[in-house]
């Protein structure tokens, strides 16, 4: 897949990447073939306890506002973490997470968190919050796709699968839905929300 093909993933006239890294070209090509060769699949997984440091963001779904706020939050979080020299940080993953039962506010906005896994949460600042996510069961679907429509199809498929299999989404306190984004090849938080068309993350809904 060449630069021209990759530019087709970002169709807006205002966005013209000067150069697409070879590693991203390879990833997109492999993922595209993988996507076309198999059906959507949901798995149940147990995620062991882990710690996160995160920043809360709020915005509307309209006009990509929430996505833009997530990117602002990521930039702010990255700046804060750069000063934590002694803390072990999972650098290849950025997690967007939310409480499905309480994410939509009375004014129509939604609350989201953007964070990273860390080894210790004792030294947080007023601008961020530490979380200890307990061991929990999730329904998981991979979201490696090349359009927002395909991404939305995966959210719908996961929700329907949970109902059909007799599970319920867990709305207990602290039962967050997790969306870990893989950052080892490219960082989606550095692509403007209204322009991004390539996605590489997992959707995990807590179930019971």
C-alpha atoms as a PDB file:
ATOM      1  CA  UNK A   1       0.000   0.000   0.000  1.00  0.00           C
ATOM      2  CA  UNK A   2       1.618   3.257  -1.099  1.00  0.00           C
ATOM      3  CA  UNK A   3       1.295   6.826   0.077  1.00  0.00           C
ATOM      4  CA  UNK A   4      -1.584   7.483  -2.304  1.00  0.00           C
ATOM      5  CA  UNK A   5      -3.593   4.560  -0.924  1.00  0.00           C
ATOM      6  CA  UNK A   6      -2.969   5.660   2.630  1.00  0.00           C
ATOM      7  CA  UNK A   7      -4.009   9.226   1.826  1.00  0.00           C
ATOM      8  CA  UNK A   8      -7.353   7.789   0.731  1.00  0.00           C
ATOM      9  CA  UNK A   9      -7.869   6.816   4.376  1.00  0.00           C
ATOM     10  CA  UNK A  10      -7.782  10.526   5.239  1.00  0.00           C
ATOM     11  CA  UNK A  11     -10.054  11.980   2.537  1.00  0.00           C
ATOM     12  CA  UNK A  12     -10.500  15.522   3.838  1.00  0.00           C
ATOM     13  CA  UNK A  13      -8.870  18.126   1.647  1.00  0.00           C
ATOM     14  CA  UNK A  14      -7.311  19.881   4.634  1.00  0.00           C
ATOM     15  CA  UNK A  15      -5.253  16.860   5.636  1.00  0.00           C
ATOM     16  CA  UNK A  16      -2.285  15.887   3.475  1.00  0.00           C
ATOM     17  CA  UNK A  17       0.312  13.820   5.332  1.00  0.00           C
ATOM     18  CA  UNK A  18       3.702  14.562   3.837  1.00  0.00           C
ATOM     19  CA  UNK A  19       5.012  11.070   4.327  1.00  0.00           C
ATOM     20  CA  UNK A  20       3.467   7.821   5.513  1.00  0.00           C
ATOM     21  CA  UNK A  21       5.923   5.724   7.567  1.00  0.00           C
ATOM     22  CA  UNK A  22       6.706   2.381   5.961  1.00  0.00           C
ATOM     23  CA  UNK A  23       5.709   0.586   9.155  1.00  0.00           C
ATOM     24  CA  UNK A  24       2.234   2.142   8.993  1.00  0.00           C
ATOM     25  CA  UNK A  25       1.871   1.199   5.331  1.00  0.00           C
ATOM     26  CA  UNK A  26       2.677  -2.417   6.197  1.00  0.00           C
ATOM     27  CA  UNK A  27       0.287  -2.435   9.167  1.00  0.00           C
ATOM     28  CA  UNK A  28      -2.606  -1.021   7.182  1.00  0.00           C
ATOM     29  CA  UNK A  29      -2.069  -3.482   4.363  1.00  0.00           C
ATOM     30  CA  UNK A  30      -1.921  -6.467   6.695  1.00  0.00           C
ATOM     31  CA  UNK A  31      -4.919  -5.356   8.723  1.00  0.00           C
ATOM     32  CA  UNK A  32      -6.966  -4.713   5.608  1.00  0.00           C
ATOM     33  CA  UNK A  33      -6.358  -8.255   4.343  1.00  0.00           C
ATOM     34  CA  UNK A  34      -7.070  -9.640   7.809  1.00  0.00           C
ATOM     35  CA  UNK A  35     -10.332  -7.723   8.045  1.00  0.00           C
ATOM     36  CA  UNK A  36     -11.596  -8.996   4.715  1.00  0.00           C
ATOM     37  CA  UNK A  37     -10.627 -12.607   5.374  1.00  0.00           C
ATOM     38  CA  UNK A  38     -12.596 -13.304   8.545  1.00  0.00           C
ATOM     39  CA  UNK A  39     -15.836 -12.610  10.351  1.00  0.00           C
ATOM     40  CA  UNK A  40     -16.166 -10.431  13.402  1.00  0.00           C
ATOM     41  CA  UNK A  41     -15.383 -12.364  16.556  1.00  0.00           C
ATOM     42  CA  UNK A  42     -16.079 -11.686  20.228  1.00  0.00           C
ATOM     43  CA  UNK A  43     -14.186 -13.370  23.052  1.00  0.00           C
ATOM     44  CA  UNK A  44     -14.630 -13.335  26.813  1.00  0.00           C
ATOM     45  CA  UNK A  45     -11.404 -12.506  28.622  1.00  0.00           C
ATOM     46  CA  UNK A  46     -10.261 -11.992  32.185  1.00  0.00           C
ATOM     47  CA  UNK A  47      -8.113  -8.886  32.633  1.00  0.00           C
ATOM     48  CA  UNK A  48      -5.949  -8.978  35.735  1.00  0.00           C
ATOM     49  CA  UNK A  49      -5.784  -6.006  38.081  1.00  0.00           C
ATOM     50  CA  UNK A  50      -3.761  -3.060  36.814  1.00  0.00           C
ATOM     51  CA  UNK A  51      -3.161   0.601  37.622  1.00  0.00           C
ATOM     52  CA  UNK A  52      -3.703   3.667  35.457  1.00  0.00           C
ATOM     53  CA  UNK A  53      -3.144   7.380  35.562  1.00  0.00           C
ATOM     54  CA  UNK A  54      -5.763   9.261  33.563  1.00  0.00           C
ATOM     55  CA  UNK A  55      -7.252  12.625  32.710  1.00  0.00           C
ATOM     56  CA  UNK A  56     -10.995  13.212  32.438  1.00  0.00           C
ATOM     57  CA  UNK A  57     -12.400  14.904  29.341  1.00  0.00           C
ATOM     58  CA  UNK A  58     -15.895  15.978  28.385  1.00  0.00           C
ATOM     59  CA  UNK A  59     -17.498  16.843  25.057  1.00  0.00           C
ATOM     60  CA  UNK A  60     -20.307  16.246  22.614  1.00  0.00           C
ATOM     61  CA  UNK A  61     -20.311  13.577  19.957  1.00  0.00           C
ATOM     62  CA  UNK A  62     -21.347  16.146  17.368  1.00  0.00           C
ATOM     63  CA  UNK A  63     -18.623  17.749  15.243  1.00  0.00           C
ATOM     64  CA  UNK A  64     -16.053  15.320  16.663  1.00  0.00           C
ATOM     65  CA  UNK A  65     -15.908  17.388  19.856  1.00  0.00           C
ATOM     66  CA  UNK A  66     -15.446  14.425  22.209  1.00  0.00           C
ATOM     67  CA  UNK A  67     -12.679  13.003  20.038  1.00  0.00           C
ATOM     68  CA  UNK A  68     -10.932  16.350  19.954  1.00  0.00           C
ATOM     69  CA  UNK A  69     -11.110  16.576  23.747  1.00  0.00           C
ATOM     70  CA  UNK A  70      -9.621  13.087  24.054  1.00  0.00           C
ATOM     71  CA  UNK A  71      -6.649  14.233  21.980  1.00  0.00           C
ATOM     72  CA  UNK A  72      -6.213  17.343  24.111  1.00  0.00           C
ATOM     73  CA  UNK A  73      -6.338  15.149  27.204  1.00  0.00           C
ATOM     74  CA  UNK A  74      -3.740  12.795  25.750  1.00  0.00           C
ATOM     75  CA  UNK A  75      -1.378  15.662  24.999  1.00  0.00           C
ATOM     76  CA  UNK A  76      -1.781  17.005  28.520  1.00  0.00           C
ATOM     77  CA  UNK A  77      -1.311  13.556  30.054  1.00  0.00           C
ATOM     78  CA  UNK A  78       1.838  12.926  28.008  1.00  0.00           C
ATOM     79  CA  UNK A  79       3.292  16.191  29.250  1.00  0.00           C
ATOM     80  CA  UNK A  80       2.526  15.318  32.876  1.00  0.00           C
ATOM     81  CA  UNK A  81       3.977  11.822  32.611  1.00  0.00           C
ATOM     82  CA  UNK A  82       7.217  13.121  31.139  1.00  0.00           C
ATOM     83  CA  UNK A  83       8.090  14.404  34.622  1.00  0.00           C
ATOM     84  CA  UNK A  84       7.555  11.022  36.316  1.00  0.00           C
ATOM     85  CA  UNK A  85      11.072   9.676  35.798  1.00  0.00           C
ATOM     86  CA  UNK A  86      10.826   6.906  38.378  1.00  0.00           C
ATOM     87  CA  UNK A  87       7.471   5.507  37.245  1.00  0.00           C
ATOM     88  CA  UNK A  88       7.211   2.537  34.880  1.00  0.00           C
ATOM     89  CA  UNK A  89       4.756   3.433  32.111  1.00  0.00           C
ATOM     90  CA  UNK A  90       3.222   1.243  29.392  1.00  0.00           C
ATOM     91  CA  UNK A  91       4.304   3.355  26.438  1.00  0.00           C
ATOM     92  CA  UNK A  92       2.796   1.241  23.659  1.00  0.00           C
ATOM     93  CA  UNK A  93      -0.822   1.580  24.760  1.00  0.00           C
ATOM     94  CA  UNK A  94      -3.193   4.464  25.415  1.00  0.00           C
ATOM     95  CA  UNK A  95      -6.552   3.625  26.991  1.00  0.00           C
ATOM     96  CA  UNK A  96      -9.825   5.479  26.552  1.00  0.00           C
ATOM     97  CA  UNK A  97     -12.326   4.319  29.167  1.00  0.00           C
ATOM     98  CA  UNK A  98     -15.760   5.241  30.469  1.00  0.00           C
ATOM     99  CA  UNK A  99     -18.625   4.280  32.758  1.00  0.00           C
ATOM    100  CA  UNK A 100     -21.436   3.313  30.380  1.00  0.00           C
ATOM    101  CA  UNK A 101     -24.103   3.814  33.013  1.00  0.00           C
ATOM    102  CA  UNK A 102     -23.020   7.351  33.819  1.00  0.00           C
ATOM    103  CA  UNK A 103     -21.171   8.703  30.792  1.00  0.00           C
ATOM    104  CA  UNK A 104     -23.988  10.761  29.240  1.00  0.00           C
ATOM    105  CA  UNK A 105     -24.678  13.981  31.134  1.00  0.00           C
ATOM    106  CA  UNK A 106     -27.876  16.046  31.377  1.00  0.00           C
ATOM    107  CA  UNK A 107     -26.477  18.612  28.939  1.00  0.00           C
ATOM    108  CA  UNK A 108     -25.880  15.955  26.283  1.00  0.00           C
ATOM    109  CA  UNK A 109     -22.119  15.789  26.709  1.00  0.00           C
ATOM    110  CA  UNK A 110     -20.230  12.608  27.573  1.00  0.00           C
ATOM    111  CA  UNK A 111     -17.501  11.982  30.125  1.00  0.00           C
ATOM    112  CA  UNK A 112     -14.459  10.011  29.010  1.00  0.00           C
ATOM    113  CA  UNK A 113     -11.094   9.227  30.532  1.00  0.00           C
ATOM    114  CA  UNK A 114      -7.811   8.858  28.678  1.00  0.00           C
ATOM    115  CA  UNK A 115      -4.979   7.124  30.476  1.00  0.00           C
ATOM    116  CA  UNK A 116      -1.990   4.802  30.506  1.00  0.00           C
ATOM    117  CA  UNK A 117      -1.009   1.801  32.593  1.00  0.00           C
ATOM    118  CA  UNK A 118       1.566   2.589  35.256  1.00  0.00           C
ATOM    119  CA  UNK A 119       3.367   0.766  38.031  1.00  0.00           C
ATOM    120  CA  UNK A 120       2.396   3.189  40.800  1.00  0.00           C
ATOM    121  CA  UNK A 121      -0.371   5.746  41.403  1.00  0.00           C
ATOM    122  CA  UNK A 122       0.777   7.257  44.682  1.00  0.00           C
ATOM    123  CA  UNK A 123       2.311  10.353  43.108  1.00  0.00           C
ATOM    124  CA  UNK A 124      -0.514  11.869  41.088  1.00  0.00           C
ATOM    125  CA  UNK A 125      -1.228  15.568  40.637  1.00  0.00           C
ATOM    126  CA  UNK A 126      -4.465  17.536  40.833  1.00  0.00           C
ATOM    127  CA  UNK A 127      -4.688  17.410  37.046  1.00  0.00           C
ATOM    128  CA  UNK A 128      -4.866  13.632  36.815  1.00  0.00           C
ATOM    129  CA  UNK A 129      -6.289  10.719  38.785  1.00  0.00           C
ATOM    130  CA  UNK A 130      -5.006   7.295  39.702  1.00  0.00           C
ATOM    131  CA  UNK A 131      -7.138   4.186  39.149  1.00  0.00           C
ATOM    132  CA  UNK A 132      -6.774   0.615  40.300  1.00  0.00           C
ATOM    133  CA  UNK A 133      -8.829  -1.507  37.923  1.00  0.00           C
ATOM    134  CA  UNK A 134      -9.698  -4.823  39.610  1.00  0.00           C
ATOM    135  CA  UNK A 135      -9.608  -8.178  37.893  1.00  0.00           C
ATOM    136  CA  UNK A 136     -12.743  -8.429  35.803  1.00  0.00           C
ATOM    137  CA  UNK A 137     -14.390 -10.349  32.979  1.00  0.00           C
ATOM    138  CA  UNK A 138     -14.916  -8.553  29.666  1.00  0.00           C
ATOM    139  CA  UNK A 139     -16.407  -9.206  26.262  1.00  0.00           C
ATOM    140  CA  UNK A 140     -13.740  -8.217  23.753  1.00  0.00           C
ATOM    141  CA  UNK A 141     -13.747  -7.427  20.050  1.00  0.00           C
ATOM    142  CA  UNK A 142     -10.835  -6.187  17.952  1.00  0.00           C
ATOM    143  CA  UNK A 143     -11.407  -2.913  16.140  1.00  0.00           C
ATOM    144  CA  UNK A 144      -8.844  -2.920  13.335  1.00  0.00           C
ATOM    145  CA  UNK A 145     -10.663  -1.159  10.533  1.00  0.00           C
ATOM    146  CA  UNK A 146     -10.528   1.615   7.991  1.00  0.00           C
ATOM    147  CA  UNK A 147     -13.677   3.676   8.359  1.00  0.00           C
ATOM    148  CA  UNK A 148     -15.864   5.087  11.104  1.00  0.00           C
ATOM    149  CA  UNK A 149     -18.773   3.033   9.729  1.00  0.00           C
ATOM    150  CA  UNK A 150     -16.787  -0.182  10.241  1.00  0.00           C
ATOM    151  CA  UNK A 151     -15.858   0.966  13.735  1.00  0.00           C
ATOM    152  CA  UNK A 152     -19.524   1.630  14.594  1.00  0.00           C
ATOM    153  CA  UNK A 153     -20.426  -1.827  13.243  1.00  0.00           C
ATOM    154  CA  UNK A 154     -18.112  -3.396  15.800  1.00  0.00           C
ATOM    155  CA  UNK A 155     -19.693  -1.511  18.703  1.00  0.00           C
ATOM    156  CA  UNK A 156     -23.125  -2.695  17.556  1.00  0.00           C
ATOM    157  CA  UNK A 157     -21.949  -6.270  16.993  1.00  0.00           C
ATOM    158  CA  UNK A 158     -20.420  -6.447  20.477  1.00  0.00           C
ATOM    159  CA  UNK A 159     -23.572  -5.114  22.170  1.00  0.00           C
ATOM    160  CA  UNK A 160     -25.783  -7.584  20.297  1.00  0.00           C
ATOM    161  CA  UNK A 161     -23.447 -10.489  21.059  1.00  0.00           C
ATOM    162  CA  UNK A 162     -23.607  -9.725  24.784  1.00  0.00           C
ATOM    163  CA  UNK A 163     -27.418  -9.852  24.689  1.00  0.00           C
ATOM    164  CA  UNK A 164     -27.569 -13.003  22.572  1.00  0.00           C
ATOM    165  CA  UNK A 165     -25.113 -14.869  24.809  1.00  0.00           C
ATOM    166  CA  UNK A 166     -27.106 -14.065  27.946  1.00  0.00           C
ATOM    167  CA  UNK A 167     -24.651 -11.624  29.487  1.00  0.00           C
ATOM    168  CA  UNK A 168     -25.271  -8.112  30.762  1.00  0.00           C
ATOM    169  CA  UNK A 169     -22.989  -5.107  30.705  1.00  0.00           C
ATOM    170  CA  UNK A 170     -21.688  -4.619  34.225  1.00  0.00           C
ATOM    171  CA  UNK A 171     -22.678  -1.180  35.522  1.00  0.00           C
ATOM    172  CA  UNK A 172     -21.262  -1.656  39.016  1.00  0.00           C
ATOM    173  CA  UNK A 173     -19.182   1.176  40.437  1.00  0.00           C
ATOM    174  CA  UNK A 174     -15.732   1.133  38.852  1.00  0.00           C
ATOM    175  CA  UNK A 175     -16.740  -1.245  36.055  1.00  0.00           C
ATOM    176  CA  UNK A 176     -15.340   0.712  33.141  1.00  0.00           C
ATOM    177  CA  UNK A 177     -15.516  -0.084  29.460  1.00  0.00           C
ATOM    178  CA  UNK A 178     -11.959  -0.061  28.127  1.00  0.00           C
ATOM    179  CA  UNK A 179     -10.578   0.828  24.714  1.00  0.00           C
ATOM    180  CA  UNK A 180      -6.820   0.181  24.673  1.00  0.00           C
ATOM    181  CA  UNK A 181      -5.263   1.724  21.560  1.00  0.00           C
ATOM    182  CA  UNK A 182      -2.061   0.179  20.228  1.00  0.00           C
ATOM    183  CA  UNK A 183       0.613   2.861  19.825  1.00  0.00           C
ATOM    184  CA  UNK A 184       3.621   0.828  18.751  1.00  0.00           C
ATOM    185  CA  UNK A 185       3.117   1.493  15.029  1.00  0.00           C
ATOM    186  CA  UNK A 186       1.219   4.784  14.908  1.00  0.00           C
ATOM    187  CA  UNK A 187      -0.454   7.022  17.464  1.00  0.00           C
ATOM    188  CA  UNK A 188      -4.145   7.737  16.715  1.00  0.00           C
ATOM    189  CA  UNK A 189      -4.200  10.454  19.375  1.00  0.00           C
ATOM    190  CA  UNK A 190      -1.927  12.517  17.149  1.00  0.00           C
ATOM    191  CA  UNK A 191      -4.359  12.404  14.203  1.00  0.00           C
ATOM    192  CA  UNK A 192      -7.224  14.953  14.359  1.00  0.00           C
ATOM    193  CA  UNK A 193     -10.547  13.342  15.298  1.00  0.00           C
ATOM    194  CA  UNK A 194     -12.394  14.522  12.200  1.00  0.00           C
ATOM    195  CA  UNK A 195      -9.681  13.181   9.897  1.00  0.00           C
ATOM    196  CA  UNK A 196      -8.760   9.772  11.254  1.00  0.00           C
ATOM    197  CA  UNK A 197      -9.994   6.780   9.255  1.00  0.00           C
ATOM    198  CA  UNK A 198      -7.634   4.020  10.431  1.00  0.00           C
ATOM    199  CA  UNK A 199      -8.251   2.383  13.811  1.00  0.00           C
ATOM    200  CA  UNK A 200      -6.320  -0.231  15.776  1.00  0.00           C
ATOM    201  CA  UNK A 201      -7.736  -0.840  19.248  1.00  0.00           C
ATOM    202  CA  UNK A 202      -9.797  -3.300  21.273  1.00  0.00           C
ATOM    203  CA  UNK A 203     -13.260  -2.715  22.710  1.00  0.00           C
ATOM    204  CA  UNK A 204     -13.794  -4.365  26.084  1.00  0.00           C
ATOM    205  CA  UNK A 205     -17.172  -4.212  27.821  1.00  0.00           C
ATOM    206  CA  UNK A 206     -17.353  -5.446  31.440  1.00  0.00           C
ATOM    207  CA  UNK A 207     -19.905  -8.246  31.672  1.00  0.00           C
ATOM    208  CA  UNK A 208     -21.663 -10.311  34.292  1.00  0.00           C
END
